[in-house]
Amino acid sequence: MDIPNRITTKVKAKLIEIEGPRGKLNHLNLDFHSRKATAAIRTTFSHVKNLIIGVTKGYWYKMCLVYAHFPINSSVTDRNKSIEICEFLGDMLDGVTVVPSKKVKDELVLYRDDIELGWYLCNREGKNC
């Protein structure tokens, strides 16, 4: 696996840490003592690749506000760090930036460095609304 020049990696106590221009991510518990763990080496490479992309480019997700009869009113507040959806209770994950789409009505774009927490947030908000 090729690691870009501006990325630093550290492996310490079975934990990998990737640091790049957008920040620092640590995620993976590395343990290859069993056959099952050795068979999952491709999964490990995929996680490392996603961490590298996250600290260099970041990830974004589009979330549409869809309604049938009663409109959903939303506003982005706190310097693009939180969403206020009327008649909805919930909280935003740390490190997520929210920007309303300029082209499409009722669409929000969520920016996040970690791919797994980004899709988790979209999924959680969709289930709660």
Protein backbone atom coordinates (compact mmCIF):
# COMPACT_ATOMS: atom_id res chain seq x y z
CA MET A 1 0.00 0.00 0.00
CA ASP A 2 1.38 3.38 -1.00
CA ILE A 3 1.12 6.10 1.64
CA PRO A 4 1.26 9.73 0.39
CA ASN A 5 4.17 11.94 1.46
CA ARG A 6 2.12 14.33 3.61
CA ILE A 7 0.64 11.49 5.70
CA THR A 8 2.27 10.22 8.90
CA THR A 9 1.35 6.83 10.32
CA LYS A 10 2.00 5.34 13.75
CA VAL A 11 1.30 1.80 14.93
CA LYS A 12 1.39 1.50 18.70
CA ALA A 13 -0.13 -1.17 20.94
CA LYS A 14 -2.28 -2.63 18.13
CA LEU A 15 -3.72 0.80 17.26
CA ILE A 16 -3.00 2.60 14.00
CA GLU A 17 -2.99 6.40 13.88
CA ILE A 18 -3.07 8.35 10.61
CA GLU A 19 -2.34 12.09 10.54
CA GLY A 20 -2.75 14.38 7.54
CA PRO A 21 -3.56 17.95 6.56
CA ARG A 22 -7.22 17.74 7.72
CA GLY A 23 -6.49 16.17 11.10
CA LYS A 24 -5.75 12.95 12.95
CA LEU A 25 -7.74 9.68 12.94
CA ASN A 26 -7.15 6.48 14.86
CA HIS A 27 -9.30 3.47 14.44
CA LEU A 28 -8.04 -0.02 13.99
CA ASN A 29 -7.26 -2.71 16.51
CA LEU A 30 -4.50 -4.72 14.80
CA ASP A 31 -4.23 -8.33 15.91
CA PHE A 32 -3.20 -11.05 13.44
CA HIS A 33 -2.61 -14.03 15.72
CA SER A 34 -5.49 -16.19 14.47
CA ARG A 35 -6.46 -17.45 11.02
CA LYS A 36 -9.67 -15.44 10.98
CA ALA A 37 -7.79 -12.23 11.67
CA THR A 38 -5.21 -13.03 9.00
CA ALA A 39 -7.99 -13.65 6.49
CA ALA A 40 -9.33 -10.17 7.18
CA ILE A 41 -6.14 -8.42 6.01
CA ARG A 42 -7.96 -6.87 3.03
CA THR A 43 -10.44 -5.29 5.43
CA THR A 44 -7.52 -3.78 7.31
CA PHE A 45 -6.10 -2.28 4.11
CA SER A 46 -9.53 -0.85 3.25
CA HIS A 47 -9.80 0.80 6.69
CA VAL A 48 -6.32 2.31 6.35
CA LYS A 49 -7.15 3.56 2.85
CA ASN A 50 -10.37 5.17 4.14
CA LEU A 51 -8.46 6.82 7.00
CA ILE A 52 -5.88 8.24 4.56
CA ILE A 53 -8.60 9.64 2.29
CA GLY A 54 -10.40 11.04 5.34
CA VAL A 55 -7.42 13.04 6.62
CA THR A 56 -6.49 14.32 3.14
CA LYS A 57 -9.75 14.94 1.28
CA GLY A 58 -12.57 14.14 3.70
CA TYR A 59 -15.97 12.66 2.90
CA TRP A 60 -19.34 14.26 2.23
CA TYR A 61 -22.88 12.94 2.28
CA LYS A 62 -26.05 14.41 0.83
CA MET A 63 -29.17 14.11 2.93
CA CYS A 64 -32.55 15.12 1.48
CA LEU A 65 -35.43 16.24 3.65
CA VAL A 66 -38.45 14.44 2.17
CA TYR A 67 -42.01 14.91 3.38
CA ALA A 68 -45.48 13.92 2.18
CA HIS A 69 -47.92 16.42 3.67
CA PHE A 70 -46.46 18.54 6.46
CA PRO A 71 -43.29 20.38 5.39
CA ILE A 72 -40.05 19.86 7.30
CA ASN A 73 -38.51 23.16 8.36
CA SER A 74 -34.77 23.12 8.97
CA SER A 75 -32.00 25.62 9.53
CA VAL A 76 -28.24 25.32 9.87
CA THR A 77 -26.83 27.10 12.94
CA ASP A 78 -23.72 27.40 15.10
CA ARG A 79 -21.28 28.06 12.24
CA ASN A 80 -22.40 24.98 10.22
CA LYS A 81 -21.98 22.65 13.20
CA SER A 82 -25.64 21.88 13.96
CA ILE A 83 -29.00 21.42 12.25
CA GLU A 84 -32.29 22.54 13.73
CA ILE A 85 -35.18 20.48 12.41
CA CYS A 86 -38.59 21.59 13.71
CA GLU A 87 -40.45 18.96 15.74
CA PHE A 88 -37.33 16.81 16.05
CA LEU A 89 -35.07 16.02 19.01
CA GLY A 90 -31.52 14.76 18.54
CA ASP A 91 -27.88 15.81 18.62
CA MET A 92 -25.09 16.16 16.06
CA LEU A 93 -21.88 14.15 16.19
CA ASP A 94 -18.62 16.00 16.84
CA GLY A 95 -16.58 16.96 13.79
CA VAL A 96 -19.49 17.14 11.32
CA THR A 97 -19.94 20.27 9.21
CA VAL A 98 -23.38 20.85 7.68
CA VAL A 99 -23.99 23.05 4.63
CA PRO A 100 -27.40 23.57 2.99
CA SER A 101 -27.33 22.77 -0.72
CA LYS A 102 -27.54 25.83 -2.97
CA LYS A 103 -28.85 23.90 -5.98
CA VAL A 104 -31.48 21.58 -4.49
CA LYS A 105 -34.25 22.62 -2.10
CA ASP A 106 -34.45 20.64 1.17
CA GLU A 107 -31.01 19.05 0.75
CA LEU A 108 -28.19 19.13 3.31
CA VAL A 109 -24.53 18.26 2.67
CA LEU A 110 -22.63 16.77 5.64
CA TYR A 111 -18.81 16.89 5.66
CA ARG A 112 -16.80 14.53 7.87
CA ASP A 113 -13.25 13.09 7.94
CA ASP A 114 -14.29 9.62 9.15
CA ILE A 115 -16.31 7.67 6.55
CA GLU A 116 -17.98 5.39 9.08
CA LEU A 117 -19.31 8.13 11.34
CA GLY A 118 -20.55 10.15 8.36
CA TRP A 119 -22.88 7.49 7.01
CA TYR A 120 -23.88 6.59 10.57
CA LEU A 121 -25.11 10.14 11.14
CA CYS A 122 -27.19 10.16 7.92
CA ASN A 123 -28.69 6.79 8.81
CA ARG A 124 -29.49 7.85 12.38
CA GLU A 125 -31.13 11.11 11.32
CA GLY A 126 -33.20 9.28 8.71
CA LYS A 127 -34.52 6.81 11.27
CA ASN A 128 -35.36 9.49 13.82
CA CYS A 129 -37.29 11.83 11.53
